[in-house]
All heavy atoms as atom14 arrays in JSON, in Angstrom:
{
  "sequence": "AYLGDVSTPLKSMPEMAGYRDLEAATQKCVAAKFKLPVELFSDPRIKA",
  "atom14_mask": [
    [1, 1, 1, 1, 1, 0, 0, 0, 0, 0, 0, 0, 0, 0],
    [1, 1, 1, 1, 1, 1, 1, 1, 1, 1, 1, 1, 0, 0],
    [1, 1, 1, 1, 1, 1, 1, 1, 0, 0, 0, 0, 0, 0],
    [1, 1, 1, 1, 0, 0, 0, 0, 0, 0, 0, 0, 0, 0],
    [1, 1, 1, 1, 1, 1, 1, 1, 0, 0, 0, 0, 0, 0],
    [1, 1, 1, 1, 1, 1, 1, 0, 0, 0, 0, 0, 0, 0],
    [1, 1, 1, 1, 1, 1, 0, 0, 0, 0, 0, 0, 0, 0],
    [1, 1, 1, 1, 1, 1, 1, 0, 0, 0, 0, 0, 0, 0],
    [1, 1, 1, 1, 1, 1, 1, 0, 0, 0, 0, 0, 0, 0],
    [1, 1, 1, 1, 1, 1, 1, 1, 0, 0, 0, 0, 0, 0],
    [1, 1, 1, 1, 1, 1, 1, 1, 1, 0, 0, 0, 0, 0],
    [1, 1, 1, 1, 1, 1, 0, 0, 0, 0, 0, 0, 0, 0],
    [1, 1, 1, 1, 1, 1, 1, 1, 0, 0, 0, 0, 0, 0],
    [1, 1, 1, 1, 1, 1, 1, 0, 0, 0, 0, 0, 0, 0],
    [1, 1, 1, 1, 1, 1, 1, 1, 1, 0, 0, 0, 0, 0],
    [1, 1, 1, 1, 1, 1, 1, 1, 0, 0, 0, 0, 0, 0],
    [1, 1, 1, 1, 1, 0, 0, 0, 0, 0, 0, 0, 0, 0],
    [1, 1, 1, 1, 0, 0, 0, 0, 0, 0, 0, 0, 0, 0],
    [1, 1, 1, 1, 1, 1, 1, 1, 1, 1, 1, 1, 0, 0],
    [1, 1, 1, 1, 1, 1, 1, 1, 1, 1, 1, 0, 0, 0],
    [1, 1, 1, 1, 1, 1, 1, 1, 0, 0, 0, 0, 0, 0],
    [1, 1, 1, 1, 1, 1, 1, 1, 0, 0, 0, 0, 0, 0],
    [1, 1, 1, 1, 1, 1, 1, 1, 1, 0, 0, 0, 0, 0],
    [1, 1, 1, 1, 1, 0, 0, 0, 0, 0, 0, 0, 0, 0],
    [1, 1, 1, 1, 1, 0, 0, 0, 0, 0, 0, 0, 0, 0],
    [1, 1, 1, 1, 1, 1, 1, 0, 0, 0, 0, 0, 0, 0],
    [1, 1, 1, 1, 1, 1, 1, 1, 1, 0, 0, 0, 0, 0],
    [1, 1, 1, 1, 1, 1, 1, 1, 1, 0, 0, 0, 0, 0],
    [1, 1, 1, 1, 1, 1, 0, 0, 0, 0, 0, 0, 0, 0],
    [1, 1, 1, 1, 1, 1, 1, 0, 0, 0, 0, 0, 0, 0],
    [1, 1, 1, 1, 1, 0, 0, 0, 0, 0, 0, 0, 0, 0],
    [1, 1, 1, 1, 1, 0, 0, 0, 0, 0, 0, 0, 0, 0],
    [1, 1, 1, 1, 1, 1, 1, 1, 1, 0, 0, 0, 0, 0],
    [1, 1, 1, 1, 1, 1, 1, 1, 1, 1, 1, 0, 0, 0],
    [1, 1, 1, 1, 1, 1, 1, 1, 1, 0, 0, 0, 0, 0],
    [1, 1, 1, 1, 1, 1, 1, 1, 0, 0, 0, 0, 0, 0],
    [1, 1, 1, 1, 1, 1, 1, 0, 0, 0, 0, 0, 0, 0],
    [1, 1, 1, 1, 1, 1, 1, 0, 0, 0, 0, 0, 0, 0],
    [1, 1, 1, 1, 1, 1, 1, 1, 1, 0, 0, 0, 0, 0],
    [1, 1, 1, 1, 1, 1, 1, 1, 0, 0, 0, 0, 0, 0],
    [1, 1, 1, 1, 1, 1, 1, 1, 1, 1, 1, 0, 0, 0],
    [1, 1, 1, 1, 1, 1, 0, 0, 0, 0, 0, 0, 0, 0],
    [1, 1, 1, 1, 1, 1, 1, 1, 0, 0, 0, 0, 0, 0],
    [1, 1, 1, 1, 1, 1, 1, 0, 0, 0, 0, 0, 0, 0],
    [1, 1, 1, 1, 1, 1, 1, 1, 1, 1, 1, 0, 0, 0],
    [1, 1, 1, 1, 1, 1, 1, 1, 0, 0, 0, 0, 0, 0],
    [1, 1, 1, 1, 1, 1, 1, 1, 1, 0, 0, 0, 0, 0],
    [1, 1, 1, 1, 1, 0, 0, 0, 0, 0, 0, 0, 0, 0]
  ],
  "atom14_positions": [
    [[158.81, 54.87, 83.32], [158.43, 55.7, 84.46], [157.2, 55.11, 85.15], [156.99, 55.33, 86.34], [158.15, 57.12, 84.01], [0.0, 0.0, 0.0], [0.0, 0.0, 0.0], [0.0, 0.0, 0.0], [0.0, 0.0, 0.0], [0.0, 0.0, 0.0], [0.0, 0.0, 0.0], [0.0, 0.0, 0.0], [0.0, 0.0, 0.0], [0.0, 0.0, 0.0]],
    [[156.41, 54.35, 84.4], [155.17, 53.79, 84.92], [155.21, 52.27, 85.05], [154.49, 51.71, 85.87], [154.0, 54.23, 84.02], [154.01, 55.72, 83.84], [154.53, 56.3, 82.69], [153.58, 56.56, 84.87], [154.59, 57.68, 82.55], [153.65, 57.94, 84.74], [154.15, 58.49, 83.58], [154.23, 59.85, 83.45], [0.0, 0.0, 0.0], [0.0, 0.0, 0.0]],
    [[156.05, 51.62, 84.25], [156.09, 50.15, 84.22], [157.35, 49.56, 84.84], [157.4, 48.36, 85.08], [155.99, 49.65, 82.77], [154.76, 50.1, 82.0], [154.85, 49.61, 80.55], [153.49, 49.61, 82.66], [0.0, 0.0, 0.0], [0.0, 0.0, 0.0], [0.0, 0.0, 0.0], [0.0, 0.0, 0.0], [0.0, 0.0, 0.0], [0.0, 0.0, 0.0]],
    [[158.37, 50.39, 85.07], [159.64, 49.89, 85.57], [160.53, 49.41, 84.43], [160.06, 49.15, 83.32], [0.0, 0.0, 0.0], [0.0, 0.0, 0.0], [0.0, 0.0, 0.0], [0.0, 0.0, 0.0], [0.0, 0.0, 0.0], [0.0, 0.0, 0.0], [0.0, 0.0, 0.0], [0.0, 0.0, 0.0], [0.0, 0.0, 0.0], [0.0, 0.0, 0.0]],
    [[161.81, 49.32, 84.71], [162.78, 48.86, 83.71], [162.85, 47.34, 83.74], [162.93, 46.75, 84.82], [164.16, 49.45, 84.01], [165.22, 49.0, 83.01], [164.98, 49.13, 81.8], [166.28, 48.51, 83.44], [0.0, 0.0, 0.0], [0.0, 0.0, 0.0], [0.0, 0.0, 0.0], [0.0, 0.0, 0.0], [0.0, 0.0, 0.0], [0.0, 0.0, 0.0]],
    [[162.81, 46.73, 82.59], [163.0, 45.3, 82.45], [164.17, 45.13, 81.48], [164.17, 45.72, 80.4], [161.73, 44.59, 81.91], [161.99, 43.12, 81.67], [160.57, 44.79, 82.88], [0.0, 0.0, 0.0], [0.0, 0.0, 0.0], [0.0, 0.0, 0.0], [0.0, 0.0, 0.0], [0.0, 0.0, 0.0], [0.0, 0.0, 0.0], [0.0, 0.0, 0.0]],
    [[165.17, 44.34, 81.85], [166.35, 44.19, 81.01], [165.98, 43.61, 79.64], [165.03, 42.83, 79.51], [167.41, 43.33, 81.7], [166.93, 42.0, 81.83], [0.0, 0.0, 0.0], [0.0, 0.0, 0.0], [0.0, 0.0, 0.0], [0.0, 0.0, 0.0], [0.0, 0.0, 0.0], [0.0, 0.0, 0.0], [0.0, 0.0, 0.0], [0.0, 0.0, 0.0]],
    [[166.75, 43.98, 78.63], [166.49, 43.59, 77.25], [166.34, 42.08, 77.07], [165.38, 41.63, 76.45], [167.59, 44.15, 76.34], [167.58, 45.57, 76.46], [167.37, 43.78, 74.89], [0.0, 0.0, 0.0], [0.0, 0.0, 0.0], [0.0, 0.0, 0.0], [0.0, 0.0, 0.0], [0.0, 0.0, 0.0], [0.0, 0.0, 0.0], [0.0, 0.0, 0.0]],
    [[167.26, 41.27, 77.59], [167.09, 39.82, 77.39], [165.79, 39.28, 77.99], [165.1, 38.47, 77.37], [168.3, 39.21, 78.09], [169.32, 40.28, 78.1], [168.53, 41.56, 78.26], [0.0, 0.0, 0.0], [0.0, 0.0, 0.0], [0.0, 0.0, 0.0], [0.0, 0.0, 0.0], [0.0, 0.0, 0.0], [0.0, 0.0, 0.0], [0.0, 0.0, 0.0]],
    [[165.43, 39.75, 79.16], [164.2, 39.31, 79.8], [162.98, 39.81, 79.04], [162.02, 39.06, 78.79], [164.16, 39.79, 81.26], [162.96, 39.38, 82.09], [162.85, 37.86, 82.19], [163.07, 40.0, 83.48], [0.0, 0.0, 0.0], [0.0, 0.0, 0.0], [0.0, 0.0, 0.0], [0.0, 0.0, 0.0], [0.0, 0.0, 0.0], [0.0, 0.0, 0.0]],
    [[163.01, 41.08, 78.64], [161.88, 41.69, 77.94], [161.58, 40.98, 76.63], [160.43, 40.95, 76.19], [162.17, 43.16, 77.68], [160.97, 43.95, 77.24], [161.3, 45.38, 76.83], [161.97, 46.18, 77.87], [162.15, 47.6, 77.5], [0.0, 0.0, 0.0], [0.0, 0.0, 0.0], [0.0, 0.0, 0.0], [0.0, 0.0, 0.0], [0.0, 0.0, 0.0]],
    [[162.58, 40.41, 75.99], [162.39, 39.78, 74.68], [161.82, 38.36, 74.77], [161.47, 37.77, 73.75], [163.7, 39.76, 73.91], [164.61, 38.88, 74.53], [0.0, 0.0, 0.0], [0.0, 0.0, 0.0], [0.0, 0.0, 0.0], [0.0, 0.0, 0.0], [0.0, 0.0, 0.0], [0.0, 0.0, 0.0], [0.0, 0.0, 0.0], [0.0, 0.0, 0.0]],
    [[161.72, 37.82, 75.97], [161.21, 36.45, 76.13], [159.73, 36.39, 75.75], [158.98, 37.35, 75.98], [161.4, 35.99, 77.57], [162.86, 35.84, 77.97], [163.06, 35.43, 79.72], [162.34, 33.8, 79.73], [0.0, 0.0, 0.0], [0.0, 0.0, 0.0], [0.0, 0.0, 0.0], [0.0, 0.0, 0.0], [0.0, 0.0, 0.0], [0.0, 0.0, 0.0]],
    [[159.29, 35.27, 75.17], [157.88, 35.13, 74.8], [156.93, 35.37, 75.97], [155.84, 35.93, 75.79], [157.77, 33.68, 74.31], [159.15, 33.28, 73.93], [160.07, 34.09, 74.81], [0.0, 0.0, 0.0], [0.0, 0.0, 0.0], [0.0, 0.0, 0.0], [0.0, 0.0, 0.0], [0.0, 0.0, 0.0], [0.0, 0.0, 0.0], [0.0, 0.0, 0.0]],
    [[157.32, 34.99, 77.15], [156.48, 35.16, 78.33], [156.23, 36.64, 78.68], [155.35, 36.94, 79.47], [157.1, 34.47, 79.54], [157.22, 32.97, 79.4], [158.51, 32.51, 78.69], [159.29, 33.35, 78.19], [158.71, 31.29, 78.63], [0.0, 0.0, 0.0], [0.0, 0.0, 0.0], [0.0, 0.0, 0.0], [0.0, 0.0, 0.0], [0.0, 0.0, 0.0]],
    [[157.01, 37.52, 78.1], [156.89, 38.95, 78.41], [156.06, 39.71, 77.38], [156.06, 40.94, 77.35], [158.29, 39.58, 78.51], [159.12, 39.03, 79.67], [158.39, 39.34, 81.28], [158.68, 41.08, 81.45], [0.0, 0.0, 0.0], [0.0, 0.0, 0.0], [0.0, 0.0, 0.0], [0.0, 0.0, 0.0], [0.0, 0.0, 0.0], [0.0, 0.0, 0.0]],
    [[155.32, 38.99, 76.53], [154.5, 39.63, 75.5], [153.53, 40.65, 76.1], [153.33, 41.74, 75.55], [153.76, 38.6, 74.67], [0.0, 0.0, 0.0], [0.0, 0.0, 0.0], [0.0, 0.0, 0.0], [0.0, 0.0, 0.0], [0.0, 0.0, 0.0], [0.0, 0.0, 0.0], [0.0, 0.0, 0.0], [0.0, 0.0, 0.0], [0.0, 0.0, 0.0]],
    [[152.93, 40.32, 77.23], [152.0, 41.24, 77.88], [152.68, 42.52, 78.32], [152.11, 43.61, 78.17], [0.0, 0.0, 0.0], [0.0, 0.0, 0.0], [0.0, 0.0, 0.0], [0.0, 0.0, 0.0], [0.0, 0.0, 0.0], [0.0, 0.0, 0.0], [0.0, 0.0, 0.0], [0.0, 0.0, 0.0], [0.0, 0.0, 0.0], [0.0, 0.0, 0.0]],
    [[153.89, 42.41, 78.85], [154.64, 43.61, 79.23], [154.91, 44.47, 78.0], [154.75, 45.69, 78.04], [155.96, 43.24, 79.92], [156.8, 44.45, 80.26], [156.65, 45.1, 81.47], [157.7, 44.98, 79.34], [157.39, 46.24, 81.78], [158.44, 46.11, 79.63], [158.29, 46.74, 80.85], [159.01, 47.87, 81.14], [0.0, 0.0, 0.0], [0.0, 0.0, 0.0]],
    [[155.33, 43.82, 76.91], [155.62, 44.57, 75.68], [154.37, 45.29, 75.16], [154.46, 46.41, 74.66], [156.24, 43.66, 74.62], [157.64, 43.18, 74.98], [158.34, 42.47, 73.83], [157.61, 41.32, 73.3], [157.7, 40.08, 73.78], [158.51, 39.82, 74.8], [157.02, 39.1, 73.22], [0.0, 0.0, 0.0], [0.0, 0.0, 0.0], [0.0, 0.0, 0.0]],
    [[153.22, 44.67, 75.3], [151.96, 45.31, 74.9], [151.68, 46.54, 75.78], [151.28, 47.6, 75.27], [150.79, 44.33, 75.0], [150.85, 43.23, 73.96], [151.6, 43.36, 72.96], [150.14, 42.21, 74.15], [0.0, 0.0, 0.0], [0.0, 0.0, 0.0], [0.0, 0.0, 0.0], [0.0, 0.0, 0.0], [0.0, 0.0, 0.0], [0.0, 0.0, 0.0]],
    [[151.88, 46.4, 77.08], [151.7, 47.54, 77.99], [152.69, 48.66, 77.68], [152.33, 49.85, 77.7], [151.89, 47.1, 79.45], [150.76, 46.29, 80.07], [151.21, 45.72, 81.42], [149.52, 47.14, 80.24], [0.0, 0.0, 0.0], [0.0, 0.0, 0.0], [0.0, 0.0, 0.0], [0.0, 0.0, 0.0], [0.0, 0.0, 0.0], [0.0, 0.0, 0.0]],
    [[153.91, 48.27, 77.38], [154.94, 49.25, 77.04], [154.54, 50.02, 75.78], [154.64, 51.25, 75.73], [156.27, 48.51, 76.83], [157.45, 49.4, 76.54], [158.72, 48.59, 76.4], [158.75, 47.59, 75.64], [159.71, 48.96, 77.04], [0.0, 0.0, 0.0], [0.0, 0.0, 0.0], [0.0, 0.0, 0.0], [0.0, 0.0, 0.0], [0.0, 0.0, 0.0]],
    [[154.07, 49.31, 74.75], [153.65, 49.96, 73.51], [152.48, 50.91, 73.75], [152.45, 52.03, 73.21], [153.3, 48.91, 72.46], [0.0, 0.0, 0.0], [0.0, 0.0, 0.0], [0.0, 0.0, 0.0], [0.0, 0.0, 0.0], [0.0, 0.0, 0.0], [0.0, 0.0, 0.0], [0.0, 0.0, 0.0], [0.0, 0.0, 0.0], [0.0, 0.0, 0.0]],
    [[151.51, 50.49, 74.55], [150.36, 51.34, 74.84], [150.78, 52.59, 75.62], [150.28, 53.7, 75.35], [149.31, 50.55, 75.63], [0.0, 0.0, 0.0], [0.0, 0.0, 0.0], [0.0, 0.0, 0.0], [0.0, 0.0, 0.0], [0.0, 0.0, 0.0], [0.0, 0.0, 0.0], [0.0, 0.0, 0.0], [0.0, 0.0, 0.0], [0.0, 0.0, 0.0]],
    [[151.7, 52.42, 76.54], [152.18, 53.56, 77.33], [152.98, 54.52, 76.45], [152.81, 55.75, 76.55], [153.01, 53.08, 78.53], [152.23, 52.14, 79.29], [153.41, 54.24, 79.44], [0.0, 0.0, 0.0], [0.0, 0.0, 0.0], [0.0, 0.0, 0.0], [0.0, 0.0, 0.0], [0.0, 0.0, 0.0], [0.0, 0.0, 0.0], [0.0, 0.0, 0.0]],
    [[153.83, 53.99, 75.59], [154.6, 54.84, 74.68], [153.67, 55.59, 73.73], [153.95, 56.73, 73.35], [155.63, 54.02, 73.91], [156.87, 53.64, 74.72], [157.67, 54.83, 75.21], [157.69, 55.14, 76.41], [158.35, 55.51, 74.32], [0.0, 0.0, 0.0], [0.0, 0.0, 0.0], [0.0, 0.0, 0.0], [0.0, 0.0, 0.0], [0.0, 0.0, 0.0]],
    [[152.56, 54.98, 73.37], [151.58, 55.65, 72.51], [151.02, 56.89, 73.23], [150.86, 57.95, 72.62], [150.46, 54.68, 72.14], [149.5, 55.22, 71.13], [148.49, 54.15, 70.72], [147.49, 54.71, 69.72], [146.52, 53.69, 69.31], [0.0, 0.0, 0.0], [0.0, 0.0, 0.0], [0.0, 0.0, 0.0], [0.0, 0.0, 0.0], [0.0, 0.0, 0.0]],
    [[150.76, 56.76, 74.52], [150.3, 57.91, 75.32], [151.37, 58.99, 75.4], [151.07, 60.19, 75.3], [149.91, 57.46, 76.72], [148.45, 56.39, 76.78], [0.0, 0.0, 0.0], [0.0, 0.0, 0.0], [0.0, 0.0, 0.0], [0.0, 0.0, 0.0], [0.0, 0.0, 0.0], [0.0, 0.0, 0.0], [0.0, 0.0, 0.0], [0.0, 0.0, 0.0]],
    [[152.63, 58.57, 75.58], [153.74, 59.52, 75.64], [153.85, 60.26, 74.31], [154.01, 61.49, 74.28], [155.06, 58.8, 76.0], [156.27, 59.72, 75.83], [155.0, 58.23, 77.42], [0.0, 0.0, 0.0], [0.0, 0.0, 0.0], [0.0, 0.0, 0.0], [0.0, 0.0, 0.0], [0.0, 0.0, 0.0], [0.0, 0.0, 0.0], [0.0, 0.0, 0.0]],
    [[153.75, 59.52, 73.21], [153.83, 60.14, 71.89], [152.73, 61.19, 71.71], [152.99, 62.3, 71.23], [153.73, 59.07, 70.81], [0.0, 0.0, 0.0], [0.0, 0.0, 0.0], [0.0, 0.0, 0.0], [0.0, 0.0, 0.0], [0.0, 0.0, 0.0], [0.0, 0.0, 0.0], [0.0, 0.0, 0.0], [0.0, 0.0, 0.0], [0.0, 0.0, 0.0]],
    [[151.52, 60.86, 72.11], [150.41, 61.8, 71.99], [150.64, 63.04, 72.84], [150.43, 64.17, 72.39], [149.1, 61.11, 72.38], [0.0, 0.0, 0.0], [0.0, 0.0, 0.0], [0.0, 0.0, 0.0], [0.0, 0.0, 0.0], [0.0, 0.0, 0.0], [0.0, 0.0, 0.0], [0.0, 0.0, 0.0], [0.0, 0.0, 0.0], [0.0, 0.0, 0.0]],
    [[151.09, 62.84, 74.09], [151.33, 63.96, 75.0], [152.35, 64.95, 74.45], [152.19, 66.17, 74.56], [151.79, 63.43, 76.36], [152.25, 64.48, 77.34], [151.14, 65.38, 77.8], [151.65, 66.42, 78.78], [150.67, 67.45, 79.03], [0.0, 0.0, 0.0], [0.0, 0.0, 0.0], [0.0, 0.0, 0.0], [0.0, 0.0, 0.0], [0.0, 0.0, 0.0]],
    [[153.42, 64.41, 73.82], [154.5, 65.27, 73.37], [154.49, 65.49, 71.86], [155.46, 65.96, 71.29], [155.85, 64.71, 73.86], [155.95, 64.74, 75.35], [155.74, 63.59, 76.1], [156.18, 65.93, 76.03], [155.79, 63.61, 77.49], [156.23, 65.97, 77.42], [156.03, 64.81, 78.15], [0.0, 0.0, 0.0], [0.0, 0.0, 0.0], [0.0, 0.0, 0.0]],
    [[153.34, 65.15, 71.24], [153.11, 65.41, 69.81], [154.2, 64.81, 68.93], [154.76, 65.48, 68.06], [152.94, 66.91, 69.57], [151.73, 67.48, 70.29], [151.62, 68.99, 70.11], [150.42, 69.58, 70.77], [150.17, 69.31, 72.14], [0.0, 0.0, 0.0], [0.0, 0.0, 0.0], [0.0, 0.0, 0.0], [0.0, 0.0, 0.0], [0.0, 0.0, 0.0]],
    [[154.49, 63.54, 69.18], [155.47, 62.79, 68.4], [154.78, 61.63, 67.69], [153.87, 61.02, 68.26], [156.57, 62.21, 69.31], [157.49, 63.19, 70.01], [158.31, 62.46, 71.07], [158.39, 63.87, 68.99], [0.0, 0.0, 0.0], [0.0, 0.0, 0.0], [0.0, 0.0, 0.0], [0.0, 0.0, 0.0], [0.0, 0.0, 0.0], [0.0, 0.0, 0.0]],
    [[155.22, 61.3, 66.49], [154.7, 60.08, 65.88], [155.2, 58.87, 66.68], [156.4, 58.76, 66.94], [155.3, 60.08, 64.47], [156.03, 61.37, 64.31], [156.15, 62.01, 65.65], [0.0, 0.0, 0.0], [0.0, 0.0, 0.0], [0.0, 0.0, 0.0], [0.0, 0.0, 0.0], [0.0, 0.0, 0.0], [0.0, 0.0, 0.0], [0.0, 0.0, 0.0]],
    [[154.32, 57.99, 67.09], [154.7, 56.86, 67.93], [155.75, 55.99, 67.23], [156.61, 55.39, 67.89], [153.47, 56.04, 68.38], [152.87, 55.25, 67.22], [153.81, 55.14, 69.54], [0.0, 0.0, 0.0], [0.0, 0.0, 0.0], [0.0, 0.0, 0.0], [0.0, 0.0, 0.0], [0.0, 0.0, 0.0], [0.0, 0.0, 0.0], [0.0, 0.0, 0.0]],
    [[155.73, 55.96, 65.91], [156.7, 55.16, 65.15], [158.13, 55.65, 65.35], [159.09, 54.9, 65.15], [156.38, 55.18, 63.65], [155.0, 54.72, 63.28], [153.92, 55.8, 63.46], [154.21, 57.02, 63.34], [152.77, 55.41, 63.74], [0.0, 0.0, 0.0], [0.0, 0.0, 0.0], [0.0, 0.0, 0.0], [0.0, 0.0, 0.0], [0.0, 0.0, 0.0]],
    [[158.27, 56.91, 65.74], [159.6, 57.48, 65.92], [160.38, 56.78, 67.04], [161.6, 56.69, 66.99], [159.5, 58.98, 66.19], [160.71, 59.85, 65.89], [161.28, 59.6, 64.5], [160.35, 61.31, 66.05], [0.0, 0.0, 0.0], [0.0, 0.0, 0.0], [0.0, 0.0, 0.0], [0.0, 0.0, 0.0], [0.0, 0.0, 0.0], [0.0, 0.0, 0.0]],
    [[159.67, 56.25, 68.03], [160.37, 55.53, 69.11], [161.06, 54.27, 68.59], [162.0, 53.78, 69.2], [159.39, 55.16, 70.24], [158.83, 56.33, 70.98], [157.46, 56.49, 71.09], [159.66, 57.29, 71.55], [156.92, 57.57, 71.78], [159.13, 58.38, 72.24], [157.75, 58.52, 72.35], [0.0, 0.0, 0.0], [0.0, 0.0, 0.0], [0.0, 0.0, 0.0]],
    [[160.59, 53.74, 67.47], [161.18, 52.54, 66.87], [162.14, 52.87, 65.73], [162.59, 51.97, 65.02], [160.07, 51.63, 66.32], [159.21, 51.24, 67.35], [0.0, 0.0, 0.0], [0.0, 0.0, 0.0], [0.0, 0.0, 0.0], [0.0, 0.0, 0.0], [0.0, 0.0, 0.0], [0.0, 0.0, 0.0], [0.0, 0.0, 0.0], [0.0, 0.0, 0.0]],
    [[162.45, 54.14, 65.54], [163.35, 54.55, 64.46], [164.69, 53.83, 64.6], [165.24, 53.75, 65.71], [163.56, 56.07, 64.54], [164.35, 56.62, 63.38], [165.58, 56.38, 63.34], [163.74, 57.28, 62.53], [0.0, 0.0, 0.0], [0.0, 0.0, 0.0], [0.0, 0.0, 0.0], [0.0, 0.0, 0.0], [0.0, 0.0, 0.0], [0.0, 0.0, 0.0]],
    [[165.22, 53.3, 63.51], [166.5, 52.57, 63.59], [167.65, 53.39, 64.17], [168.55, 52.84, 64.79], [166.79, 52.19, 62.14], [165.5, 52.31, 61.42], [164.65, 53.29, 62.18], [0.0, 0.0, 0.0], [0.0, 0.0, 0.0], [0.0, 0.0, 0.0], [0.0, 0.0, 0.0], [0.0, 0.0, 0.0], [0.0, 0.0, 0.0], [0.0, 0.0, 0.0]],
    [[167.62, 54.71, 64.0], [168.68, 55.56, 64.56], [168.62, 55.56, 66.08], [169.65, 55.55, 66.76], [168.58, 56.97, 64.0], [168.79, 57.03, 62.48], [168.43, 58.36, 61.9], [166.97, 58.55, 61.97], [166.33, 59.61, 61.47], [167.0, 60.58, 60.88], [165.02, 59.7, 61.57], [0.0, 0.0, 0.0], [0.0, 0.0, 0.0], [0.0, 0.0, 0.0]],
    [[167.4, 55.57, 66.63], [167.23, 55.51, 68.09], [167.55, 54.12, 68.59], [168.26, 53.95, 69.6], [165.82, 55.95, 68.5], [165.61, 57.43, 68.17], [165.57, 55.68, 69.99], [164.2, 57.94, 68.39], [0.0, 0.0, 0.0], [0.0, 0.0, 0.0], [0.0, 0.0, 0.0], [0.0, 0.0, 0.0], [0.0, 0.0, 0.0], [0.0, 0.0, 0.0]],
    [[167.09, 53.1, 67.9], [167.35, 51.72, 68.3], [168.85, 51.44, 68.34], [169.36, 50.81, 69.28], [166.65, 50.72, 67.38], [165.14, 50.72, 67.52], [164.75, 50.18, 68.87], [163.26, 50.03, 69.01], [162.88, 49.63, 70.36], [0.0, 0.0, 0.0], [0.0, 0.0, 0.0], [0.0, 0.0, 0.0], [0.0, 0.0, 0.0], [0.0, 0.0, 0.0]],
    [[169.59, 51.92, 67.32], [171.04, 51.71, 67.28], [171.73, 52.4, 68.46], [172.59, 51.82, 69.14], [171.61, 52.21, 65.96], [0.0, 0.0, 0.0], [0.0, 0.0, 0.0], [0.0, 0.0, 0.0], [0.0, 0.0, 0.0], [0.0, 0.0, 0.0], [0.0, 0.0, 0.0], [0.0, 0.0, 0.0], [0.0, 0.0, 0.0], [0.0, 0.0, 0.0]]
  ]
}
């Protein structure tokens, strides 16, 4: 909602490390706002 969508293949490129860091920091804020453990976003059930 704040960073825009980046396709999975592009996002996984080494050059996109900075974007992934921003994404993680933003998700941490989302987790705090909605009282969720940030690790839950990486849960294998959600990833699958």
